[in-house]
Amino acid sequence: MRKQIFTILLLAVCSLLHAQKTVTVEASATFEAPLTMSPIEAEYETVRRAQSEAIAREFGTIVTQQSQNYMRENQTVSYDDFFSYGETDVRGIWIETVGDTIWSPTRRSGGSIVYGVRLKGKIREIVSTPPDVSYTFMYNGTDPKKNSLRNHSFYEGDQLFFRFVSPVDGYLALYLVDHNNEMTTQRLLPYPDQSDGAYPVKADSAYTFFSLPDAEPYVRDNVIELMLGCASEHDYNQFYVIFSPHPFTRAVDRRTADTDSRQLPPSTDYKTFQRWLSKCRRHDADMFVEKLLVDIIKPDGSSL
């Protein structure tokens, strides 16, 4: 009897793994950006459409994505500095971009630009839904009800807090990609002085990070505060929210200091970070990865 049960379970596992097929696809899209959209936002939208259409074509389902990616400037070809991990709601995910990303922008007489893109990448079919986590970036204290006006836009000088809730036990990491500093990728969670590979969280518990009064006792000595800065009148950054029910180790990083000798969070280069993330996603079908593009403006700039 034990042998029969083992055989049935083994077949079930093999069937599940087979269903989660990974294929390499080519993707392309064109997008005419409105005049009010910034170039980097337009490029993100063009890539999002290309990825969505490629996944839908392969797996037969229209998907939606949360996909933002770093783009080159003043070039028609981007090399290893372009990576993408598009998220889908149901049927597939874009695991990684392979090779070069080819751009062919065209300016129309009215001043608008039509963005064209061609890229190749690996995608995987989703047969099970990742954990339905909930998170909020807060700038006006730690009460979510007082942070509903601005979800993706912030002012220079805002103190940022991060609220996270998961329906299952698991492990959390948070990274920030600085578009204005050679795409430096900073680790915010686990906290810089923690040696953990990821921050352990309990199911249905609300965590508010970067707030000393809300910190768990064992990490109070490790808590850091996040104050948003702005190198120009209008900057863009990306947050990567990474969660899995399974343990994972963080990317290799190192501590650095800025020009004022202030200690910065541990960081790694963008290429190394994306290779690490791609490896994690290939080996963990339950991993939740979502990227949030945020814009930061100086207080005397355009209103949010």
Foldseek 3Di string as FASTA:
>chain_A
DVVVVVVVVVVVVVVVVVQWDKDKDKWKFKDWDDPVDDPQRRVFVRVQVRVQVGQCVVFVDRWHWQKHWDDDPPDQKDFLRTWIWTDTQAWKIFLIWDGIKGWDWDADPVGIIMIMIMTMTMMITAPDGAWPKDKAKAQPPDDVVVRPPDGFEAEQFGWIKMKIATQAKWFKWKWKFFSVPQRKIFTPPPFQPDPFQTHTDHHGDIAIALDLVRDDPVCSVRGHIDGHHDPDQKGKMKMKIKIARDGDGHFDWAWDADPVRHTDGTIDHPSSRSVRSSVVCVVGVNMDIHMGMHMYGHPPHDDD
